[in-house]
Amino acid sequence: MKRISLFLSIVALAICAQAQLLWKVTGNGATKPSYLFGTHHIAPVSILDSTKGFNEALAGADRVYGEIDMAVMTDPSTQMKMAQLMMAPSDSTLSKVVPAETLAKIDELLAECQVPATTSMLEPLKPGGVALTISALLGKKAFPDYDATQQLDQTVQKMAHERNIPVMGLETLDDQLNVLLGSSIAEQAESLVKTMADTEKAIESTHLLADAYLAGNLAELEKLMRDPATGMDEDAAEKLITNRNNAWIEILVGVIPTASVLVVVGAGHLPGDTGLINQLRKAGYTVEPVK
């Protein structure tokens, strides 16, 4: 799994045009407006209070689409499946595929973040599983007040359930786990080593990404994510963003004509040529920021 980080702004006009997290979708025969809302998976839920029009978008929705239906995460069978997928083959456990220098850096980060664990305790995990832990720790540095019991995507889905609004996933949990943990052990190990090679840079990038998100600056977000020097290379971008967007669009163009849907996904899926905003425009819809 490749690192996802941030980037600098392009031109002021582009920034102003994209400085928004909530987008309205109309036209092309749609009987009701639909909405796109970009999340940051560890941003504070208070972002909802400062997003003008969000409450109205949720109240008018016939259904809410997330990346996955997060209710499945509470199912014991799901938790068991996730635990099994995180485990490495016996010949490819952590210390067998990651150099000692990288393991030492991981231990330092765990201690710095006051996590009661060491790499020896993480030994059975795939490098991708460890990378997910590292990503969460770096994100916590950007959002020190983050409360895992109030995760943004999950909170929106909970709000929908409380209003008896159906919640659906654009992909299954298996789809998402395959994206995160489906690459080869060698690829996962290489990515983990690169992430830990310069933790200060990774922390700085995480802060920049958080700042871009809180500013609603999708143009900056997209630029950094697509820059191999600070974010994803072309292969990772295709796997993590483009392929998933293409699959999601097929679902959305099938439901938007007859229902008002609120689509709540990571903000990185909204901007760019293959982003949901542009793909809906290419399909004939008017997509504009809610101001």
C-alpha atoms as a PDB file:
ATOM      1  CA  MET A   1       0.000   0.000   0.000  1.00  0.00           C
ATOM      2  CA  LYS A   2       1.477   3.324  -1.078  1.00  0.00           C
ATOM      3  CA  ARG A   3       1.681   6.397   1.088  1.00  0.00           C
ATOM      4  CA  ILE A   4      -0.948   9.001   0.588  1.00  0.00           C
ATOM      5  CA  SER A   5       0.111  12.550   1.358  1.00  0.00           C
ATOM      6  CA  LEU A   6      -0.386  16.169   0.272  1.00  0.00           C
ATOM      7  CA  PHE A   7       0.536  18.883  -2.098  1.00  0.00           C
ATOM      8  CA  LEU A   8       0.803  22.564  -2.854  1.00  0.00           C
ATOM      9  CA  SER A   9      -1.796  24.717  -4.572  1.00  0.00           C
ATOM     10  CA  ILE A  10      -1.861  25.337  -8.307  1.00  0.00           C
ATOM     11  CA  VAL A  11      -3.412  28.662  -9.275  1.00  0.00           C
ATOM     12  CA  ALA A  12      -5.650  30.789  -7.096  1.00  0.00           C
ATOM     13  CA  LEU A  13      -8.563  30.466  -9.502  1.00  0.00           C
ATOM     14  CA  ALA A  14      -8.463  26.685  -9.383  1.00  0.00           C
ATOM     15  CA  ILE A  15      -8.264  26.765  -5.596  1.00  0.00           C
ATOM     16  CA  CYS A  16     -11.293  29.011  -5.314  1.00  0.00           C
ATOM     17  CA  ALA A  17     -13.240  26.836  -7.732  1.00  0.00           C
ATOM     18  CA  GLN A  18     -12.541  23.672  -5.754  1.00  0.00           C
ATOM     19  CA  ALA A  19     -12.557  25.014  -2.174  1.00  0.00           C
ATOM     20  CA  GLN A  20     -15.575  23.021  -1.097  1.00  0.00           C
ATOM     21  CA  LEU A  21     -16.431  19.652   0.457  1.00  0.00           C
ATOM     22  CA  LEU A  22     -20.168  19.520  -0.348  1.00  0.00           C
ATOM     23  CA  TRP A  23     -21.312  19.453  -3.996  1.00  0.00           C
ATOM     24  CA  LYS A  24     -24.809  19.500  -5.483  1.00  0.00           C
ATOM     25  CA  VAL A  25     -25.709  17.281  -8.449  1.00  0.00           C
ATOM     26  CA  THR A  26     -28.646  18.284 -10.650  1.00  0.00           C
ATOM     27  CA  GLY A  27     -29.872  18.168 -14.249  1.00  0.00           C
ATOM     28  CA  ASN A  28     -29.752  15.434 -16.885  1.00  0.00           C
ATOM     29  CA  GLY A  29     -33.319  14.413 -16.058  1.00  0.00           C
ATOM     30  CA  ALA A  30     -32.743  13.904 -12.322  1.00  0.00           C
ATOM     31  CA  THR A  31     -36.014  14.427 -10.458  1.00  0.00           C
ATOM     32  CA  LYS A  32     -34.277  15.513  -7.225  1.00  0.00           C
ATOM     33  CA  PRO A  33     -30.874  16.976  -6.342  1.00  0.00           C
ATOM     34  CA  SER A  34     -28.164  14.661  -5.067  1.00  0.00           C
ATOM     35  CA  TYR A  35     -24.993  15.547  -3.168  1.00  0.00           C
ATOM     36  CA  LEU A  36     -21.331  14.554  -2.862  1.00  0.00           C
ATOM     37  CA  PHE A  37     -19.596  15.069   0.487  1.00  0.00           C
ATOM     38  CA  GLY A  38     -15.856  14.506   0.879  1.00  0.00           C
ATOM     39  CA  THR A  39     -14.590  13.165   4.187  1.00  0.00           C
ATOM     40  CA  HIS A  40     -11.243  12.712   5.875  1.00  0.00           C
ATOM     41  CA  HIS A  41     -11.387   9.414   7.708  1.00  0.00           C
ATOM     42  CA  ILE A  42      -9.973  10.777  10.972  1.00  0.00           C
ATOM     43  CA  ALA A  43     -11.161  14.383  10.780  1.00  0.00           C
ATOM     44  CA  PRO A  44     -13.291  15.683  13.660  1.00  0.00           C
ATOM     45  CA  VAL A  45     -17.033  15.332  13.212  1.00  0.00           C
ATOM     46  CA  SER A  46     -17.322  19.042  13.955  1.00  0.00           C
ATOM     47  CA  ILE A  47     -16.555  19.575  10.258  1.00  0.00           C
ATOM     48  CA  LEU A  48     -20.219  18.793   9.685  1.00  0.00           C
ATOM     49  CA  ASP A  49     -21.265  21.852  11.691  1.00  0.00           C
ATOM     50  CA  SER A  50     -19.180  24.144   9.491  1.00  0.00           C
ATOM     51  CA  THR A  51     -20.300  22.605   6.187  1.00  0.00           C
ATOM     52  CA  LYS A  52     -23.106  24.802   4.939  1.00  0.00           C
ATOM     53  CA  GLY A  53     -25.997  22.830   3.479  1.00  0.00           C
ATOM     54  CA  PHE A  54     -24.975  19.452   4.874  1.00  0.00           C
ATOM     55  CA  ASN A  55     -27.954  19.057   7.209  1.00  0.00           C
ATOM     56  CA  GLU A  56     -30.344  19.948   4.396  1.00  0.00           C
ATOM     57  CA  ALA A  57     -28.630  17.486   2.049  1.00  0.00           C
ATOM     58  CA  LEU A  58     -28.949  14.686   4.596  1.00  0.00           C
ATOM     59  CA  ALA A  59     -32.539  15.548   5.505  1.00  0.00           C
ATOM     60  CA  GLY A  60     -33.610  15.408   1.859  1.00  0.00           C
ATOM     61  CA  ALA A  61     -31.764  12.218   0.975  1.00  0.00           C
ATOM     62  CA  ASP A  62     -33.647   9.090  -0.066  1.00  0.00           C
ATOM     63  CA  ARG A  63     -30.529   7.065   0.666  1.00  0.00           C
ATOM     64  CA  VAL A  64     -26.909   7.547   1.751  1.00  0.00           C
ATOM     65  CA  TYR A  65     -23.999   5.875  -0.003  1.00  0.00           C
ATOM     66  CA  GLY A  66     -20.668   5.386   1.752  1.00  0.00           C
ATOM     67  CA  GLU A  67     -17.563   3.621   0.533  1.00  0.00           C
ATOM     68  CA  ILE A  68     -18.892   0.637   2.480  1.00  0.00           C
ATOM     69  CA  ASP A  69     -21.874   0.101   4.753  1.00  0.00           C
ATOM     70  CA  MET A  70     -19.999   0.497   8.032  1.00  0.00           C
ATOM     71  CA  ALA A  71     -22.629  -1.415   9.985  1.00  0.00           C
ATOM     72  CA  VAL A  72     -20.936  -4.601   8.791  1.00  0.00           C
ATOM     73  CA  MET A  73     -17.889  -3.676  10.871  1.00  0.00           C
ATOM     74  CA  THR A  74     -19.713  -4.639  14.071  1.00  0.00           C
ATOM     75  CA  ASP A  75     -20.403  -8.182  12.843  1.00  0.00           C
ATOM     76  CA  PRO A  76     -18.132 -10.706  14.652  1.00  0.00           C
ATOM     77  CA  SER A  77     -17.671 -12.682  11.428  1.00  0.00           C
ATOM     78  CA  THR A  78     -16.438  -9.509   9.722  1.00  0.00           C
ATOM     79  CA  GLN A  79     -13.974  -8.806  12.496  1.00  0.00           C
ATOM     80  CA  MET A  80     -12.680 -12.373  12.275  1.00  0.00           C
ATOM     81  CA  LYS A  81     -12.269 -12.077   8.500  1.00  0.00           C
ATOM     82  CA  MET A  82     -10.336  -8.832   8.896  1.00  0.00           C
ATOM     83  CA  ALA A  83      -8.069 -10.386  11.512  1.00  0.00           C
ATOM     84  CA  GLN A  84      -7.352 -13.329   9.235  1.00  0.00           C
ATOM     85  CA  LEU A  85      -6.556 -11.108   6.253  1.00  0.00           C
ATOM     86  CA  MET A  86      -4.124  -9.091   8.371  1.00  0.00           C
ATOM     87  CA  MET A  87      -2.078 -12.201   9.161  1.00  0.00           C
ATOM     88  CA  ALA A  88       1.015 -12.946   7.088  1.00  0.00           C
ATOM     89  CA  PRO A  89       2.049 -16.410   5.859  1.00  0.00           C
ATOM     90  CA  SER A  90       4.418 -18.074   8.315  1.00  0.00           C
ATOM     91  CA  ASP A  91       7.377 -17.591   5.977  1.00  0.00           C
ATOM     92  CA  SER A  92       6.653 -13.878   5.493  1.00  0.00           C
ATOM     93  CA  THR A  93       6.089 -12.467   8.959  1.00  0.00           C
ATOM     94  CA  LEU A  94       7.213  -8.931   9.673  1.00  0.00           C
ATOM     95  CA  SER A  95      10.868  -9.405  10.658  1.00  0.00           C
ATOM     96  CA  LYS A  96      11.420 -11.757   7.711  1.00  0.00           C
ATOM     97  CA  VAL A  97      10.440  -9.173   5.096  1.00  0.00           C
ATOM     98  CA  VAL A  98      11.261  -5.814   6.721  1.00  0.00           C
ATOM     99  CA  PRO A  99      14.834  -4.790   7.681  1.00  0.00           C
ATOM    100  CA  ALA A 100      15.816  -4.290  11.307  1.00  0.00           C
ATOM    101  CA  GLU A 101      16.378  -0.563  10.745  1.00  0.00           C
ATOM    102  CA  THR A 102      12.754  -0.125   9.703  1.00  0.00           C
ATOM    103  CA  LEU A 103      11.526  -2.178  12.658  1.00  0.00           C
ATOM    104  CA  ALA A 104      13.511   0.052  15.019  1.00  0.00           C
ATOM    105  CA  LYS A 105      11.911   3.163  13.523  1.00  0.00           C
ATOM    106  CA  ILE A 106       8.454   1.634  13.933  1.00  0.00           C
ATOM    107  CA  ASP A 107       9.219   0.883  17.595  1.00  0.00           C
ATOM    108  CA  GLU A 108      10.316   4.503  18.083  1.00  0.00           C
ATOM    109  CA  LEU A 109       7.079   5.802  16.571  1.00  0.00           C
ATOM    110  CA  LEU A 110       4.958   3.443  18.672  1.00  0.00           C
ATOM    111  CA  ALA A 111       6.732   4.603  21.828  1.00  0.00           C
ATOM    112  CA  GLU A 112       6.453   8.267  20.835  1.00  0.00           C
ATOM    113  CA  CYS A 113       2.714   7.847  20.304  1.00  0.00           C
ATOM    114  CA  GLN A 114       2.415   5.979  23.611  1.00  0.00           C
ATOM    115  CA  VAL A 115       1.056   2.859  21.947  1.00  0.00           C
ATOM    116  CA  PRO A 116       1.475  -0.178  24.234  1.00  0.00           C
ATOM    117  CA  ALA A 117       2.913  -2.367  21.486  1.00  0.00           C
ATOM    118  CA  THR A 118       6.203  -3.225  19.802  1.00  0.00           C
ATOM    119  CA  THR A 119       7.114  -4.725  16.457  1.00  0.00           C
ATOM    120  CA  SER A 120       7.626  -8.059  18.182  1.00  0.00           C
ATOM    121  CA  MET A 121       3.915  -7.979  19.022  1.00  0.00           C
ATOM    122  CA  LEU A 122       3.109  -7.044  15.411  1.00  0.00           C
ATOM    123  CA  GLU A 123       5.296  -9.843  14.041  1.00  0.00           C
ATOM    124  CA  PRO A 124       2.413 -12.010  12.689  1.00  0.00           C
ATOM    125  CA  LEU A 125       0.917  -9.171  10.636  1.00  0.00           C
ATOM    126  CA  LYS A 126       1.331  -8.432   6.970  1.00  0.00           C
ATOM    127  CA  PRO A 127       3.361  -5.281   6.277  1.00  0.00           C
ATOM    128  CA  GLY A 128       0.155  -3.726   4.914  1.00  0.00           C
ATOM    129  CA  GLY A 129      -1.542  -4.308   8.252  1.00  0.00           C
ATOM    130  CA  VAL A 130       1.324  -2.595  10.056  1.00  0.00           C
ATOM    131  CA  ALA A 131       1.161   0.232   7.499  1.00  0.00           C
ATOM    132  CA  LEU A 132      -2.495   0.792   8.392  1.00  0.00           C
ATOM    133  CA  THR A 133      -1.475   1.163  12.030  1.00  0.00           C
ATOM    134  CA  ILE A 134       1.288   3.605  11.080  1.00  0.00           C
ATOM    135  CA  SER A 135      -1.115   5.616   8.931  1.00  0.00           C
ATOM    136  CA  ALA A 136      -3.542   5.919  11.855  1.00  0.00           C
ATOM    137  CA  LEU A 137      -0.750   7.084  14.168  1.00  0.00           C
ATOM    138  CA  LEU A 138       0.423   9.720  11.694  1.00  0.00           C
ATOM    139  CA  GLY A 139      -3.148  10.885  11.242  1.00  0.00           C
ATOM    140  CA  LYS A 140      -3.530  11.185  15.006  1.00  0.00           C
ATOM    141  CA  LYS A 141      -0.643  13.653  14.987  1.00  0.00           C
ATOM    142  CA  ALA A 142      -2.565  15.832  12.550  1.00  0.00           C
ATOM    143  CA  PHE A 143      -5.816  15.472  14.494  1.00  0.00           C
ATOM    144  CA  PRO A 144      -4.711  14.973  18.130  1.00  0.00           C
ATOM    145  CA  ASP A 145      -8.285  15.264  19.403  1.00  0.00           C
ATOM    146  CA  TYR A 146      -9.588  12.530  17.107  1.00  0.00           C
ATOM    147  CA  ASP A 147     -12.025  10.200  18.838  1.00  0.00           C
ATOM    148  CA  ALA A 148     -12.245   6.779  17.195  1.00  0.00           C
ATOM    149  CA  THR A 149     -15.778   6.410  18.542  1.00  0.00           C
ATOM    150  CA  GLN A 150     -16.789   9.419  16.428  1.00  0.00           C
ATOM    151  CA  GLN A 151     -15.319   8.575  13.047  1.00  0.00           C
ATOM    152  CA  LEU A 152     -16.681  10.963  10.413  1.00  0.00           C
ATOM    153  CA  ASP A 153     -17.964   8.504   7.804  1.00  0.00           C
ATOM    154  CA  GLN A 154     -19.472   6.288  10.471  1.00  0.00           C
ATOM    155  CA  THR A 155     -21.097   9.276  12.194  1.00  0.00           C
ATOM    156  CA  VAL A 156     -22.839  10.353   8.987  1.00  0.00           C
ATOM    157  CA  GLN A 157     -24.156   6.828   8.455  1.00  0.00           C
ATOM    158  CA  LYS A 158     -25.373   6.744  12.058  1.00  0.00           C
ATOM    159  CA  MET A 159     -27.181  10.057  11.509  1.00  0.00           C
ATOM    160  CA  ALA A 160     -28.846   8.551   8.438  1.00  0.00           C
ATOM    161  CA  HIS A 161     -29.984   5.466  10.365  1.00  0.00           C
ATOM    162  CA  GLU A 162     -31.462   7.701  13.080  1.00  0.00           C
ATOM    163  CA  ARG A 163     -33.544   9.384  10.365  1.00  0.00           C
ATOM    164  CA  ASN A 164     -34.552   6.022   8.854  1.00  0.00           C
ATOM    165  CA  ILE A 165     -32.607   6.809   5.679  1.00  0.00           C
ATOM    166  CA  PRO A 166     -31.244   3.632   4.032  1.00  0.00           C
ATOM    167  CA  VAL A 167     -27.438   3.352   3.988  1.00  0.00           C
ATOM    168  CA  MET A 168     -25.641   1.450   1.228  1.00  0.00           C
ATOM    169  CA  GLY A 169     -22.054   0.772   0.251  1.00  0.00           C
ATOM    170  CA  LEU A 170     -20.483   1.611  -3.100  1.00  0.00           C
ATOM    171  CA  GLU A 171     -18.249  -1.411  -2.572  1.00  0.00           C
ATOM    172  CA  THR A 172     -18.117  -4.384  -0.255  1.00  0.00           C
ATOM    173  CA  LEU A 173     -15.766  -4.820   2.668  1.00  0.00           C
ATOM    174  CA  ASP A 174     -14.009  -7.543   0.679  1.00  0.00           C
ATOM    175  CA  ASP A 175     -13.443  -5.054  -2.151  1.00  0.00           C
ATOM    176  CA  GLN A 176     -11.914  -2.538   0.230  1.00  0.00           C
ATOM    177  CA  LEU A 177      -9.742  -5.048   2.054  1.00  0.00           C
ATOM    178  CA  ASN A 178      -8.437  -6.328  -1.261  1.00  0.00           C
ATOM    179  CA  VAL A 179      -7.379  -2.781  -2.181  1.00  0.00           C
ATOM    180  CA  LEU A 180      -5.635  -2.279   1.163  1.00  0.00           C
ATOM    181  CA  LEU A 181      -4.147  -5.721   1.746  1.00  0.00           C
ATOM    182  CA  GLY A 182      -4.392  -7.531  -1.575  1.00  0.00           C
ATOM    183  CA  SER A 183      -0.981  -6.619  -3.002  1.00  0.00           C
ATOM    184  CA  SER A 184       1.966  -8.980  -2.636  1.00  0.00           C
ATOM    185  CA  ILE A 185       3.885  -9.175   0.630  1.00  0.00           C
ATOM    186  CA  ALA A 186       6.946  -7.833  -1.178  1.00  0.00           C
ATOM    187  CA  GLU A 187       5.041  -4.764  -2.386  1.00  0.00           C
ATOM    188  CA  GLN A 188       3.599  -4.152   1.062  1.00  0.00           C
ATOM    189  CA  ALA A 189       7.046  -4.447   2.652  1.00  0.00           C
ATOM    190  CA  GLU A 190       8.580  -2.042   0.136  1.00  0.00           C
ATOM    191  CA  SER A 191       5.888   0.524   0.824  1.00  0.00           C
ATOM    192  CA  LEU A 192       6.288   0.217   4.604  1.00  0.00           C
ATOM    193  CA  VAL A 193      10.056   0.680   4.323  1.00  0.00           C
ATOM    194  CA  LYS A 194       9.574   3.813   2.207  1.00  0.00           C
ATOM    195  CA  THR A 195       7.068   5.232   4.665  1.00  0.00           C
ATOM    196  CA  MET A 196       9.410   4.741   7.616  1.00  0.00           C
ATOM    197  CA  ALA A 197      12.500   5.975   5.765  1.00  0.00           C
ATOM    198  CA  ASP A 198      11.571   9.576   6.574  1.00  0.00           C
ATOM    199  CA  THR A 199       8.936   9.739   9.287  1.00  0.00           C
ATOM    200  CA  GLU A 200       9.388  13.492   9.726  1.00  0.00           C
ATOM    201  CA  LYS A 201       8.437  14.038   6.101  1.00  0.00           C
ATOM    202  CA  ALA A 202       5.508  11.643   6.477  1.00  0.00           C
ATOM    203  CA  ILE A 203       4.292  13.555   9.536  1.00  0.00           C
ATOM    204  CA  GLU A 204       4.681  16.877   7.734  1.00  0.00           C
ATOM    205  CA  SER A 205       2.741  15.546   4.752  1.00  0.00           C
ATOM    206  CA  THR A 206      -0.017  14.298   7.021  1.00  0.00           C
ATOM    207  CA  HIS A 207      -0.349  17.778   8.534  1.00  0.00           C
ATOM    208  CA  LEU A 208      -0.459  19.367   5.085  1.00  0.00           C
ATOM    209  CA  LEU A 209      -3.176  16.964   3.999  1.00  0.00           C
ATOM    210  CA  ALA A 210      -5.188  17.738   7.109  1.00  0.00           C
ATOM    211  CA  ASP A 211      -4.821  21.480   6.485  1.00  0.00           C
ATOM    212  CA  ALA A 212      -5.916  21.096   2.869  1.00  0.00           C
ATOM    213  CA  TYR A 213      -8.942  19.080   3.915  1.00  0.00           C
ATOM    214  CA  LEU A 214     -10.034  21.461   6.654  1.00  0.00           C
ATOM    215  CA  ALA A 215      -9.733  24.306   4.138  1.00  0.00           C
ATOM    216  CA  GLY A 216     -11.918  22.353   1.716  1.00  0.00           C
ATOM    217  CA  ASN A 217      -9.154  22.720  -0.874  1.00  0.00           C
ATOM    218  CA  LEU A 218      -9.743  19.785  -3.217  1.00  0.00           C
ATOM    219  CA  ALA A 219      -7.390  21.166  -5.865  1.00  0.00           C
ATOM    220  CA  GLU A 220      -4.465  21.092  -3.439  1.00  0.00           C
ATOM    221  CA  LEU A 221      -5.520  17.706  -2.121  1.00  0.00           C
ATOM    222  CA  GLU A 222      -5.626  16.172  -5.593  1.00  0.00           C
ATOM    223  CA  LYS A 223      -2.290  17.669  -6.638  1.00  0.00           C
ATOM    224  CA  LEU A 224      -0.399  16.261  -3.654  1.00  0.00           C
ATOM    225  CA  MET A 225      -2.056  12.866  -3.849  1.00  0.00           C
ATOM    226  CA  ARG A 226      -1.043  12.534  -7.504  1.00  0.00           C
ATOM    227  CA  ASP A 227       2.548  13.662  -6.970  1.00  0.00           C
ATOM    228  CA  PRO A 228       4.794  10.574  -6.705  1.00  0.00           C
ATOM    229  CA  ALA A 229       7.280  12.594  -4.649  1.00  0.00           C
ATOM    230  CA  THR A 230       4.784  13.155  -1.850  1.00  0.00           C
ATOM    231  CA  GLY A 231       1.837  10.882  -2.543  1.00  0.00           C
ATOM    232  CA  MET A 232       0.903   8.011  -4.822  1.00  0.00           C
ATOM    233  CA  ASP A 233       2.631   6.735  -7.914  1.00  0.00           C
ATOM    234  CA  GLU A 234       0.575   6.040 -11.027  1.00  0.00           C
ATOM    235  CA  ASP A 235      -0.110   2.394 -10.193  1.00  0.00           C
ATOM    236  CA  ALA A 236      -1.259   3.178  -6.661  1.00  0.00           C
ATOM    237  CA  ALA A 237      -3.468   6.035  -7.853  1.00  0.00           C
ATOM    238  CA  GLU A 238      -5.138   3.746 -10.354  1.00  0.00           C
ATOM    239  CA  LYS A 239      -5.744   1.079  -7.732  1.00  0.00           C
ATOM    240  CA  LEU A 240      -6.791   3.286  -4.806  1.00  0.00           C
ATOM    241  CA  ILE A 241      -8.662   6.031  -6.641  1.00  0.00           C
ATOM    242  CA  THR A 242      -9.350   5.641 -10.367  1.00  0.00           C
ATOM    243  CA  ASN A 243     -10.558   2.039 -10.530  1.00  0.00           C
ATOM    244  CA  ARG A 244     -12.819   2.516  -7.537  1.00  0.00           C
ATOM    245  CA  ASN A 245     -14.248   5.782  -8.882  1.00  0.00           C
ATOM    246  CA  ASN A 246     -15.023   4.095 -12.200  1.00  0.00           C
ATOM    247  CA  ALA A 247     -16.923   1.327 -10.411  1.00  0.00           C
ATOM    248  CA  TRP A 248     -18.775   3.760  -8.165  1.00  0.00           C
ATOM    249  CA  ILE A 249     -19.885   5.964 -11.059  1.00  0.00           C
ATOM    250  CA  GLU A 250     -21.665   3.018 -12.673  1.00  0.00           C
ATOM    251  CA  ILE A 251     -23.749   2.685  -9.502  1.00  0.00           C
ATOM    252  CA  LEU A 252     -24.439   6.394  -9.090  1.00  0.00           C
ATOM    253  CA  VAL A 253     -25.591   7.110 -12.643  1.00  0.00           C
ATOM    254  CA  GLY A 254     -28.090   4.311 -12.161  1.00  0.00           C
ATOM    255  CA  VAL A 255     -29.704   5.804  -9.047  1.00  0.00           C
ATOM    256  CA  ILE A 256     -29.318   9.593  -9.333  1.00  0.00           C
ATOM    257  CA  PRO A 257     -32.019   9.984 -12.025  1.00  0.00           C
ATOM    258  CA  THR A 258     -34.807   8.825  -9.696  1.00  0.00           C
ATOM    259  CA  ALA A 259     -33.570   9.373  -6.132  1.00  0.00           C
ATOM    260  CA  SER A 260     -31.824  11.972  -4.023  1.00  0.00           C
ATOM    261  CA  VAL A 261     -28.612  10.371  -2.781  1.00  0.00           C
ATOM    262  CA  LEU A 262     -25.962  11.714  -0.443  1.00  0.00           C
ATOM    263  CA  VAL A 263     -22.591  10.212  -1.372  1.00  0.00           C
ATOM    264  CA  VAL A 264     -20.130  10.301   1.538  1.00  0.00           C
ATOM    265  CA  VAL A 265     -16.627   9.187   0.550  1.00  0.00           C
ATOM    266  CA  GLY A 266     -13.012  10.201   1.065  1.00  0.00           C
ATOM    267  CA  ALA A 267     -12.405  13.689  -0.307  1.00  0.00           C
ATOM    268  CA  GLY A 268      -9.627  12.384  -2.551  1.00  0.00           C
ATOM    269  CA  HIS A 269     -12.254  10.654  -4.669  1.00  0.00           C
ATOM    270  CA  LEU A 270     -13.930  13.928  -5.690  1.00  0.00           C
ATOM    271  CA  PRO A 271     -11.402  16.016  -7.692  1.00  0.00           C
ATOM    272  CA  GLY A 272      -9.384  15.353 -10.847  1.00  0.00           C
ATOM    273  CA  ASP A 273     -10.121  14.036 -14.320  1.00  0.00           C
ATOM    274  CA  THR A 274     -11.300  10.686 -12.979  1.00  0.00           C
ATOM    275  CA  GLY A 275     -12.865  12.123  -9.827  1.00  0.00           C
ATOM    276  CA  LEU A 276     -16.556  11.750  -9.108  1.00  0.00           C
ATOM    277  CA  ILE A 277     -17.234  15.438  -9.788  1.00  0.00           C
ATOM    278  CA  ASN A 278     -15.775  15.371 -13.291  1.00  0.00           C
ATOM    279  CA  GLN A 279     -17.184  11.951 -14.157  1.00  0.00           C
ATOM    280  CA  LEU A 280     -20.706  13.055 -13.232  1.00  0.00           C
ATOM    281  CA  ARG A 281     -20.253  16.171 -15.346  1.00  0.00           C
ATOM    282  CA  LYS A 282     -19.150  14.016 -18.271  1.00  0.00           C
ATOM    283  CA  ALA A 283     -22.322  11.961 -17.748  1.00  0.00           C
ATOM    284  CA  GLY A 284     -24.362  15.110 -18.302  1.00  0.00           C
ATOM    285  CA  TYR A 285     -25.004  16.323 -14.759  1.00  0.00           C
ATOM    286  CA  THR A 286     -24.466  19.792 -13.344  1.00  0.00           C
ATOM    287  CA  VAL A 287     -22.163  19.535 -10.321  1.00  0.00           C
ATOM    288  CA  GLU A 288     -21.575  22.709  -8.366  1.00  0.00           C
ATOM    289  CA  PRO A 289     -20.323  23.595  -4.876  1.00  0.00           C
ATOM    290  CA  VAL A 290     -22.904  24.320  -2.203  1.00  0.00           C
ATOM    291  CA  LYS A 291     -22.224  27.862  -1.023  1.00  0.00           C
END
